[in-house]
Amino acid sequence: MEVEQVLHMKGGEGYTSYANNSLHPRTIIAMVKPTLEETIEEVYLSTLSPKCLKMADLGCAAGPNTLLVASQVMDSVRKTCQKLDGYSQPPSLQVFLNDLPGNDFNALFRSLPGFGGNMMEELLGEGSNNFGPCFFAGVPGSFYGRLFPNDSLHFFYSSYALMWISKVPKGLVSEAGEALNKGNLCIAKTSPPEVHKAYFEQFQRDFTLFLKSRAEELVPGGGVVLTILGSMKSNDPLNIWEFIGLKLNDMVLEVCMHRNSLSILYWQLHYGFM
């Protein structure tokens, strides 16, 4: 089965859901807000103050972070209009929420009726009701390819999603059939050079396709804001994926040892050596 058919963040609103375990991505979104505001102002001015600003959140997942991004864009548009003449009515906003088909769009859509009013005041404070209408639509599919018609969107946003490549890279198995990245969940500091090269080449292919697709979908003067998790340094402490990989290895070894113990016990009981 293709990766894009099964990969997704944990849905729902429970204790272990992505919605309740995404504090770090939320912090990153807040850090990037000044860049977002600057970009939105440039887009609004360079596209001749459109009556409807159309944007897409690529890899939106589900939960409050998605609505935070939309609210920040709305706030940036409002500030731009106020800066221009102090009384211009902000345009309407069309927000396309994109993620892989397995994303919990139902939970995301259930939260939309509360978008506005108290939610906007909580996110942005006073003046949060000075916006044009805001419309949402879901767009399931991989952003490593076309998602929208030519020249149709003003702005693309993606936070902590592009480090997920489209598929497992080729070349992770030796000619003898041995796994080159044995003991690791994904690319890690302990991975051999061949593994780093395989991941890098796959990322190059994916990111090139991503940029080509967005270039065709953006209107002239449109803008893009992307945040991506950077590469690892050899002297860095373990990142979260390396840590999870180590723990999964421990769990697998524990299960294997347990099964071996049961097999020995069965053999001893079956042949009467106890």
C-alpha atoms as a PDB file:
ATOM      1  CA  MET A   1       0.000   0.000   0.000  1.00  0.00           C
ATOM      2  CA  GLU A   2       1.257   3.509  -0.838  1.00  0.00           C
ATOM      3  CA  VAL A   3       2.611   5.539   2.086  1.00  0.00           C
ATOM      4  CA  GLU A   4       0.240   8.435   1.420  1.00  0.00           C
ATOM      5  CA  GLN A   5      -2.721   6.096   1.926  1.00  0.00           C
ATOM      6  CA  VAL A   6      -1.733   5.120   5.470  1.00  0.00           C
ATOM      7  CA  LEU A   7       0.444   7.919   6.895  1.00  0.00           C
ATOM      8  CA  HIS A   8      -1.324  10.449   9.130  1.00  0.00           C
ATOM      9  CA  MET A   9      -1.154  12.090  12.533  1.00  0.00           C
ATOM     10  CA  LYS A  10      -3.195  10.440  15.279  1.00  0.00           C
ATOM     11  CA  GLY A  11      -6.726  11.749  14.965  1.00  0.00           C
ATOM     12  CA  GLY A  12      -9.457  12.510  17.458  1.00  0.00           C
ATOM     13  CA  GLU A  13      -9.290  14.726  20.498  1.00  0.00           C
ATOM     14  CA  GLY A  14      -8.163  12.204  23.104  1.00  0.00           C
ATOM     15  CA  TYR A  15      -5.183  12.239  25.427  1.00  0.00           C
ATOM     16  CA  THR A  16      -2.801  10.731  22.858  1.00  0.00           C
ATOM     17  CA  SER A  17      -4.162  12.619  19.823  1.00  0.00           C
ATOM     18  CA  TYR A  18      -2.011  14.960  17.759  1.00  0.00           C
ATOM     19  CA  ALA A  19      -4.410  17.772  18.648  1.00  0.00           C
ATOM     20  CA  ASN A  20      -3.393  17.449  22.311  1.00  0.00           C
ATOM     21  CA  ASN A  21       0.291  16.718  21.673  1.00  0.00           C
ATOM     22  CA  SER A  22       1.382  19.438  19.269  1.00  0.00           C
ATOM     23  CA  LEU A  23       2.731  22.120  21.587  1.00  0.00           C
ATOM     24  CA  HIS A  24       6.130  22.291  19.847  1.00  0.00           C
ATOM     25  CA  PRO A  25       4.661  22.894  16.351  1.00  0.00           C
ATOM     26  CA  ARG A  26       2.432  25.562  17.903  1.00  0.00           C
ATOM     27  CA  THR A  27       5.532  27.274  19.317  1.00  0.00           C
ATOM     28  CA  ILE A  28       7.138  27.243  15.865  1.00  0.00           C
ATOM     29  CA  ILE A  29       4.003  28.756  14.311  1.00  0.00           C
ATOM     30  CA  ALA A  30       4.175  31.596  16.845  1.00  0.00           C
ATOM     31  CA  MET A  31       7.883  32.166  16.118  1.00  0.00           C
ATOM     32  CA  VAL A  32       7.247  32.432  12.374  1.00  0.00           C
ATOM     33  CA  LYS A  33       4.375  34.922  12.738  1.00  0.00           C
ATOM     34  CA  PRO A  34       6.510  38.058  11.951  1.00  0.00           C
ATOM     35  CA  THR A  35       7.609  36.450   8.659  1.00  0.00           C
ATOM     36  CA  LEU A  36       4.014  35.480   7.946  1.00  0.00           C
ATOM     37  CA  GLU A  37       2.788  39.048   8.506  1.00  0.00           C
ATOM     38  CA  GLU A  38       5.490  40.502   6.252  1.00  0.00           C
ATOM     39  CA  THR A  39       4.723  38.010   3.488  1.00  0.00           C
ATOM     40  CA  ILE A  40       0.949  38.542   3.658  1.00  0.00           C
ATOM     41  CA  GLU A  41       1.414  42.303   3.359  1.00  0.00           C
ATOM     42  CA  GLU A  42       3.630  41.850   0.282  1.00  0.00           C
ATOM     43  CA  VAL A  43       1.169  39.400  -1.275  1.00  0.00           C
ATOM     44  CA  TYR A  44      -1.830  41.649  -0.616  1.00  0.00           C
ATOM     45  CA  LEU A  45      -0.138  44.661  -2.203  1.00  0.00           C
ATOM     46  CA  SER A  46       1.449  42.846  -5.142  1.00  0.00           C
ATOM     47  CA  THR A  47      -1.798  41.086  -6.103  1.00  0.00           C
ATOM     48  CA  LEU A  48      -3.734  44.387  -6.219  1.00  0.00           C
ATOM     49  CA  SER A  49      -5.688  43.963  -2.979  1.00  0.00           C
ATOM     50  CA  PRO A  50      -7.888  41.001  -3.978  1.00  0.00           C
ATOM     51  CA  LYS A  51     -11.484  40.913  -2.756  1.00  0.00           C
ATOM     52  CA  CYS A  52     -10.944  37.280  -1.763  1.00  0.00           C
ATOM     53  CA  LEU A  53      -7.518  36.137  -0.595  1.00  0.00           C
ATOM     54  CA  LYS A  54      -7.064  32.421  -1.259  1.00  0.00           C
ATOM     55  CA  MET A  55      -4.537  30.413   0.764  1.00  0.00           C
ATOM     56  CA  ALA A  56      -3.706  26.799   1.532  1.00  0.00           C
ATOM     57  CA  ASP A  57      -2.265  25.222   4.680  1.00  0.00           C
ATOM     58  CA  LEU A  58      -0.284  22.236   3.389  1.00  0.00           C
ATOM     59  CA  GLY A  59       0.089  19.403   5.887  1.00  0.00           C
ATOM     60  CA  CYS A  60      -2.452  21.052   8.174  1.00  0.00           C
ATOM     61  CA  ALA A  61      -3.069  17.966  10.394  1.00  0.00           C
ATOM     62  CA  ALA A  62      -5.948  18.525  12.843  1.00  0.00           C
ATOM     63  CA  GLY A  63      -6.363  20.504  16.031  1.00  0.00           C
ATOM     64  CA  PRO A  64      -6.006  24.075  17.270  1.00  0.00           C
ATOM     65  CA  ASN A  65      -2.753  24.729  15.378  1.00  0.00           C
ATOM     66  CA  THR A  66      -4.600  24.688  12.065  1.00  0.00           C
ATOM     67  CA  LEU A  67      -7.067  27.337  13.207  1.00  0.00           C
ATOM     68  CA  LEU A  68      -4.209  29.362  14.682  1.00  0.00           C
ATOM     69  CA  VAL A  69      -2.557  29.622  11.267  1.00  0.00           C
ATOM     70  CA  ALA A  70      -5.805  30.763   9.632  1.00  0.00           C
ATOM     71  CA  SER A  71      -6.399  33.344  12.359  1.00  0.00           C
ATOM     72  CA  GLN A  72      -2.864  34.722  11.987  1.00  0.00           C
ATOM     73  CA  VAL A  73      -3.385  35.180   8.250  1.00  0.00           C
ATOM     74  CA  MET A  74      -6.672  36.981   8.905  1.00  0.00           C
ATOM     75  CA  ASP A  75      -5.009  39.210  11.473  1.00  0.00           C
ATOM     76  CA  SER A  76      -2.154  39.991   9.064  1.00  0.00           C
ATOM     77  CA  VAL A  77      -4.619  41.015   6.352  1.00  0.00           C
ATOM     78  CA  ARG A  78      -6.502  43.226   8.812  1.00  0.00           C
ATOM     79  CA  LYS A  79      -3.294  44.973   9.892  1.00  0.00           C
ATOM     80  CA  THR A  80      -2.303  45.507   6.259  1.00  0.00           C
ATOM     81  CA  CYS A  81      -5.653  47.124   5.456  1.00  0.00           C
ATOM     82  CA  GLN A  82      -5.375  49.387   8.490  1.00  0.00           C
ATOM     83  CA  LYS A  83      -1.859  50.368   7.507  1.00  0.00           C
ATOM     84  CA  LEU A  84      -2.994  51.363   4.004  1.00  0.00           C
ATOM     85  CA  ASP A  85      -5.758  53.803   4.875  1.00  0.00           C
ATOM     86  CA  GLY A  86      -7.077  52.935   8.315  1.00  0.00           C
ATOM     87  CA  TYR A  87     -10.604  52.024   7.266  1.00  0.00           C
ATOM     88  CA  SER A  88     -10.485  49.567   4.353  1.00  0.00           C
ATOM     89  CA  GLN A  89     -12.672  46.532   4.877  1.00  0.00           C
ATOM     90  CA  PRO A  90     -10.500  43.375   4.855  1.00  0.00           C
ATOM     91  CA  PRO A  91     -11.176  40.948   2.019  1.00  0.00           C
ATOM     92  CA  SER A  92     -12.837  37.597   2.493  1.00  0.00           C
ATOM     93  CA  LEU A  93     -10.497  34.659   3.065  1.00  0.00           C
ATOM     94  CA  GLN A  94     -10.688  31.234   1.410  1.00  0.00           C
ATOM     95  CA  VAL A  95      -8.661  28.655   3.355  1.00  0.00           C
ATOM     96  CA  PHE A  96      -7.888  25.282   1.805  1.00  0.00           C
ATOM     97  CA  LEU A  97      -6.864  22.703   4.412  1.00  0.00           C
ATOM     98  CA  ASN A  98      -4.626  20.063   2.866  1.00  0.00           C
ATOM     99  CA  ASP A  99      -3.238  16.822   4.250  1.00  0.00           C
ATOM    100  CA  LEU A 100      -3.039  13.164   3.297  1.00  0.00           C
ATOM    101  CA  PRO A 101      -6.359  11.294   2.905  1.00  0.00           C
ATOM    102  CA  GLY A 102      -5.987   9.574   6.304  1.00  0.00           C
ATOM    103  CA  ASN A 103      -5.978  12.896   8.158  1.00  0.00           C
ATOM    104  CA  ASP A 104      -8.827  13.389  10.634  1.00  0.00           C
ATOM    105  CA  PHE A 105     -10.720  15.963   8.581  1.00  0.00           C
ATOM    106  CA  ASN A 106     -13.917  15.161  10.488  1.00  0.00           C
ATOM    107  CA  ALA A 107     -12.442  16.418  13.773  1.00  0.00           C
ATOM    108  CA  LEU A 108     -11.086  19.442  11.949  1.00  0.00           C
ATOM    109  CA  PHE A 109     -14.436  20.308  10.395  1.00  0.00           C
ATOM    110  CA  ARG A 110     -16.259  19.822  13.695  1.00  0.00           C
ATOM    111  CA  SER A 111     -14.120  22.590  15.196  1.00  0.00           C
ATOM    112  CA  LEU A 112     -14.895  25.099  12.432  1.00  0.00           C
ATOM    113  CA  PRO A 113     -18.337  26.267  13.661  1.00  0.00           C
ATOM    114  CA  GLY A 114     -16.580  27.674  16.734  1.00  0.00           C
ATOM    115  CA  PHE A 115     -14.067  29.568  14.616  1.00  0.00           C
ATOM    116  CA  GLY A 116     -14.841  33.201  15.265  1.00  0.00           C
ATOM    117  CA  GLY A 117     -16.363  34.909  18.274  1.00  0.00           C
ATOM    118  CA  ASN A 118     -14.793  33.678  21.500  1.00  0.00           C
ATOM    119  CA  MET A 119     -12.181  31.571  19.713  1.00  0.00           C
ATOM    120  CA  MET A 120     -10.887  34.505  17.681  1.00  0.00           C
ATOM    121  CA  GLU A 121     -10.865  36.745  20.731  1.00  0.00           C
ATOM    122  CA  GLU A 122      -8.856  34.147  22.636  1.00  0.00           C
ATOM    123  CA  LEU A 123      -6.331  33.810  19.800  1.00  0.00           C
ATOM    124  CA  LEU A 124      -5.976  37.436  18.770  1.00  0.00           C
ATOM    125  CA  GLY A 125      -7.515  39.640  21.443  1.00  0.00           C
ATOM    126  CA  GLU A 126      -9.431  42.848  20.798  1.00  0.00           C
ATOM    127  CA  GLY A 127     -10.311  43.729  17.234  1.00  0.00           C
ATOM    128  CA  SER A 128     -10.614  40.080  16.280  1.00  0.00           C
ATOM    129  CA  ASN A 129     -14.068  40.657  14.774  1.00  0.00           C
ATOM    130  CA  ASN A 130     -12.803  43.141  12.187  1.00  0.00           C
ATOM    131  CA  PHE A 131     -12.471  40.605   9.384  1.00  0.00           C
ATOM    132  CA  GLY A 132     -14.155  39.759   6.144  1.00  0.00           C
ATOM    133  CA  PRO A 133     -15.941  36.397   5.790  1.00  0.00           C
ATOM    134  CA  CYS A 134     -13.765  33.277   6.092  1.00  0.00           C
ATOM    135  CA  PHE A 135     -14.489  30.082   4.145  1.00  0.00           C
ATOM    136  CA  PHE A 136     -12.882  26.659   4.660  1.00  0.00           C
ATOM    137  CA  ALA A 137     -12.525  23.629   2.405  1.00  0.00           C
ATOM    138  CA  GLY A 138     -10.669  20.320   2.752  1.00  0.00           C
ATOM    139  CA  VAL A 139      -8.229  19.157   0.090  1.00  0.00           C
ATOM    140  CA  PRO A 140      -7.022  15.581   0.742  1.00  0.00           C
ATOM    141  CA  GLY A 141      -3.939  14.531  -1.173  1.00  0.00           C
ATOM    142  CA  SER A 142      -0.134  14.640  -1.249  1.00  0.00           C
ATOM    143  CA  PHE A 143       1.461  18.060  -1.705  1.00  0.00           C
ATOM    144  CA  TYR A 144       4.188  16.316  -3.703  1.00  0.00           C
ATOM    145  CA  GLY A 145       2.201  17.018  -6.838  1.00  0.00           C
ATOM    146  CA  ARG A 146      -0.584  19.268  -8.109  1.00  0.00           C
ATOM    147  CA  LEU A 147      -3.494  20.114  -5.809  1.00  0.00           C
ATOM    148  CA  PHE A 148      -5.024  23.249  -7.357  1.00  0.00           C
ATOM    149  CA  PRO A 149      -5.652  24.800 -10.807  1.00  0.00           C
ATOM    150  CA  ASN A 150      -3.103  27.105 -12.419  1.00  0.00           C
ATOM    151  CA  ASP A 151      -2.853  30.657 -11.027  1.00  0.00           C
ATOM    152  CA  SER A 152      -5.527  30.055  -8.404  1.00  0.00           C
ATOM    153  CA  LEU A 153      -3.991  30.752  -4.958  1.00  0.00           C
ATOM    154  CA  HIS A 154      -2.360  33.819  -3.420  1.00  0.00           C
ATOM    155  CA  PHE A 155      -0.523  32.200  -0.538  1.00  0.00           C
ATOM    156  CA  PHE A 156       0.820  28.827   0.592  1.00  0.00           C
ATOM    157  CA  TYR A 157       1.774  27.965   4.154  1.00  0.00           C
ATOM    158  CA  SER A 158       3.343  24.792   5.515  1.00  0.00           C
ATOM    159  CA  SER A 159       4.768  24.199   8.977  1.00  0.00           C
ATOM    160  CA  TYR A 160       6.791  21.129   9.981  1.00  0.00           C
ATOM    161  CA  ALA A 161       5.432  18.958   7.184  1.00  0.00           C
ATOM    162  CA  LEU A 162       7.965  19.006   4.345  1.00  0.00           C
ATOM    163  CA  MET A 163      10.539  16.913   6.185  1.00  0.00           C
ATOM    164  CA  TRP A 164       8.158  13.980   5.612  1.00  0.00           C
ATOM    165  CA  ILE A 165       9.304  12.550   2.286  1.00  0.00           C
ATOM    166  CA  SER A 166       6.867  10.892  -0.087  1.00  0.00           C
ATOM    167  CA  LYS A 167       8.196   7.346   0.233  1.00  0.00           C
ATOM    168  CA  VAL A 168      10.925   5.169   1.684  1.00  0.00           C
ATOM    169  CA  PRO A 169      14.124   5.932  -0.269  1.00  0.00           C
ATOM    170  CA  LYS A 170      15.652   3.325  -2.525  1.00  0.00           C
ATOM    171  CA  GLY A 171      19.080   1.987  -1.661  1.00  0.00           C
ATOM    172  CA  LEU A 172      18.514   1.182   2.018  1.00  0.00           C
ATOM    173  CA  VAL A 173      19.302  -2.488   1.482  1.00  0.00           C
ATOM    174  CA  SER A 174      22.709  -3.879   0.451  1.00  0.00           C
ATOM    175  CA  GLU A 175      23.222  -6.252  -2.471  1.00  0.00           C
ATOM    176  CA  ALA A 176      23.354  -9.047   0.070  1.00  0.00           C
ATOM    177  CA  GLY A 177      19.921  -8.075   1.339  1.00  0.00           C
ATOM    178  CA  GLU A 178      21.160  -6.550   4.605  1.00  0.00           C
ATOM    179  CA  ALA A 179      19.425  -3.451   5.964  1.00  0.00           C
ATOM    180  CA  LEU A 180      21.896  -0.549   5.862  1.00  0.00           C
ATOM    181  CA  ASN A 181      19.976   1.492   8.433  1.00  0.00           C
ATOM    182  CA  LYS A 182      19.546  -1.351  10.911  1.00  0.00           C
ATOM    183  CA  GLY A 183      18.579  -0.225  14.395  1.00  0.00           C
ATOM    184  CA  ASN A 184      17.159   3.136  13.299  1.00  0.00           C
ATOM    185  CA  LEU A 185      13.572   4.216  12.800  1.00  0.00           C
ATOM    186  CA  CYS A 186      14.595   6.733  10.105  1.00  0.00           C
ATOM    187  CA  ILE A 187      17.746   8.640   9.167  1.00  0.00           C
ATOM    188  CA  ALA A 188      19.927   9.164  12.236  1.00  0.00           C
ATOM    189  CA  LYS A 189      23.423  10.280  13.180  1.00  0.00           C
ATOM    190  CA  THR A 190      24.457   6.630  13.365  1.00  0.00           C
ATOM    191  CA  SER A 191      23.217   5.944   9.828  1.00  0.00           C
ATOM    192  CA  PRO A 192      25.988   5.172   7.295  1.00  0.00           C
ATOM    193  CA  PRO A 193      26.752   7.642   4.457  1.00  0.00           C
ATOM    194  CA  GLU A 194      24.785   5.547   1.952  1.00  0.00           C
ATOM    195  CA  VAL A 195      21.619   6.049   3.981  1.00  0.00           C
ATOM    196  CA  HIS A 196      22.154   9.806   4.284  1.00  0.00           C
ATOM    197  CA  LYS A 197      22.669   9.968   0.508  1.00  0.00           C
ATOM    198  CA  ALA A 198      19.495   7.976  -0.192  1.00  0.00           C
ATOM    199  CA  TYR A 199      17.359  10.214   2.025  1.00  0.00           C
ATOM    200  CA  PHE A 200      18.920  13.373   0.599  1.00  0.00           C
ATOM    201  CA  GLU A 201      18.268  12.344  -2.994  1.00  0.00           C
ATOM    202  CA  GLN A 202      14.650  11.448  -2.205  1.00  0.00           C
ATOM    203  CA  PHE A 203      14.170  14.810  -0.483  1.00  0.00           C
ATOM    204  CA  GLN A 204      15.633  16.574  -3.532  1.00  0.00           C
ATOM    205  CA  ARG A 205      13.166  14.848  -5.843  1.00  0.00           C
ATOM    206  CA  ASP A 206      10.211  15.538  -3.556  1.00  0.00           C
ATOM    207  CA  PHE A 207      11.057  19.164  -2.827  1.00  0.00           C
ATOM    208  CA  THR A 208      11.704  19.940  -6.499  1.00  0.00           C
ATOM    209  CA  LEU A 209       8.287  18.531  -7.396  1.00  0.00           C
ATOM    210  CA  PHE A 210       6.719  20.487  -4.529  1.00  0.00           C
ATOM    211  CA  LEU A 211       8.181  23.797  -5.734  1.00  0.00           C
ATOM    212  CA  LYS A 212       7.241  23.165  -9.376  1.00  0.00           C
ATOM    213  CA  SER A 213       3.663  22.375  -8.370  1.00  0.00           C
ATOM    214  CA  ARG A 214       3.283  25.461  -6.198  1.00  0.00           C
ATOM    215  CA  ALA A 215       4.841  27.682  -8.877  1.00  0.00           C
ATOM    216  CA  GLU A 216       2.090  26.669 -11.284  1.00  0.00           C
ATOM    217  CA  GLU A 217      -0.682  27.127  -8.724  1.00  0.00           C
ATOM    218  CA  LEU A 218       0.364  30.554  -7.383  1.00  0.00           C
ATOM    219  CA  VAL A 219      -1.002  33.738  -8.917  1.00  0.00           C
ATOM    220  CA  PRO A 220       1.628  36.271 -10.071  1.00  0.00           C
ATOM    221  CA  GLY A 221       2.855  38.069  -6.947  1.00  0.00           C
ATOM    222  CA  GLY A 222       1.791  35.234  -4.642  1.00  0.00           C
ATOM    223  CA  GLY A 223       3.852  34.121  -1.656  1.00  0.00           C
ATOM    224  CA  VAL A 224       4.957  31.046   0.282  1.00  0.00           C
ATOM    225  CA  VAL A 225       6.034  30.539   3.916  1.00  0.00           C
ATOM    226  CA  LEU A 226       7.603  27.178   4.793  1.00  0.00           C
ATOM    227  CA  THR A 227       9.148  25.935   8.040  1.00  0.00           C
ATOM    228  CA  ILE A 228      11.099  22.681   7.947  1.00  0.00           C
ATOM    229  CA  LEU A 229      12.978  20.734  10.594  1.00  0.00           C
ATOM    230  CA  GLY A 230      16.700  21.134   9.885  1.00  0.00           C
ATOM    231  CA  SER A 231      19.404  18.503   9.532  1.00  0.00           C
ATOM    232  CA  MET A 232      21.212  16.877  12.423  1.00  0.00           C
ATOM    233  CA  LYS A 233      24.739  17.612  13.597  1.00  0.00           C
ATOM    234  CA  SER A 234      27.023  14.883  14.857  1.00  0.00           C
ATOM    235  CA  ASN A 235      27.367  16.526  18.276  1.00  0.00           C
ATOM    236  CA  ASP A 236      23.637  17.098  18.763  1.00  0.00           C
ATOM    237  CA  PRO A 237      21.780  15.097  21.431  1.00  0.00           C
ATOM    238  CA  LEU A 238      19.297  12.484  20.288  1.00  0.00           C
ATOM    239  CA  ASN A 239      16.319  13.948  18.483  1.00  0.00           C
ATOM    240  CA  ILE A 240      12.816  12.665  19.121  1.00  0.00           C
ATOM    241  CA  TRP A 241      12.837  10.224  16.180  1.00  0.00           C
ATOM    242  CA  GLU A 242      16.150   8.668  17.190  1.00  0.00           C
ATOM    243  CA  PHE A 243      14.861   8.323  20.747  1.00  0.00           C
ATOM    244  CA  ILE A 244      11.649   6.657  19.568  1.00  0.00           C
ATOM    245  CA  GLY A 245      13.687   4.355  17.331  1.00  0.00           C
ATOM    246  CA  LEU A 246      15.837   3.239  20.242  1.00  0.00           C
ATOM    247  CA  LYS A 247      12.783   2.561  22.398  1.00  0.00           C
ATOM    248  CA  LEU A 248      11.075   0.597  19.616  1.00  0.00           C
ATOM    249  CA  ASN A 249      14.227  -1.495  19.241  1.00  0.00           C
ATOM    250  CA  ASP A 250      14.176  -2.212  22.973  1.00  0.00           C
ATOM    251  CA  MET A 251      10.512  -3.208  22.786  1.00  0.00           C
ATOM    252  CA  VAL A 252      11.122  -5.548  19.835  1.00  0.00           C
ATOM    253  CA  LEU A 253      14.078  -7.183  21.600  1.00  0.00           C
ATOM    254  CA  GLU A 254      11.971  -7.626  24.736  1.00  0.00           C
ATOM    255  CA  VAL A 255       9.167  -9.263  22.752  1.00  0.00           C
ATOM    256  CA  CYS A 256      11.648 -11.536  20.938  1.00  0.00           C
ATOM    257  CA  MET A 257      13.285 -12.583  24.195  1.00  0.00           C
ATOM    258  CA  HIS A 258       9.857 -13.277  25.695  1.00  0.00           C
ATOM    259  CA  ARG A 259       8.877 -15.399  22.707  1.00  0.00           C
ATOM    260  CA  ASN A 260      12.161 -17.322  22.850  1.00  0.00           C
ATOM    261  CA  SER A 261      11.581 -18.018  26.538  1.00  0.00           C
ATOM    262  CA  LEU A 262       8.085 -19.326  25.779  1.00  0.00           C
ATOM    263  CA  SER A 263       9.459 -21.515  22.964  1.00  0.00           C
ATOM    264  CA  ILE A 264      12.093 -23.044  25.270  1.00  0.00           C
ATOM    265  CA  LEU A 265       9.457 -23.626  27.956  1.00  0.00           C
ATOM    266  CA  TYR A 266       7.155 -25.298  25.427  1.00  0.00           C
ATOM    267  CA  TRP A 267      10.001 -27.509  24.157  1.00  0.00           C
ATOM    268  CA  GLN A 268      10.909 -28.549  27.698  1.00  0.00           C
ATOM    269  CA  LEU A 269       7.285 -29.307  28.621  1.00  0.00           C
ATOM    270  CA  HIS A 270       6.595 -31.129  25.352  1.00  0.00           C
ATOM    271  CA  TYR A 271       9.609 -33.394  25.631  1.00  0.00           C
ATOM    272  CA  GLY A 272       9.373 -33.880  29.380  1.00  0.00           C
ATOM    273  CA  PHE A 273      12.637 -32.272  30.480  1.00  0.00           C
ATOM    274  CA  MET A 274      11.119 -30.449  33.456  1.00  0.00           C
END
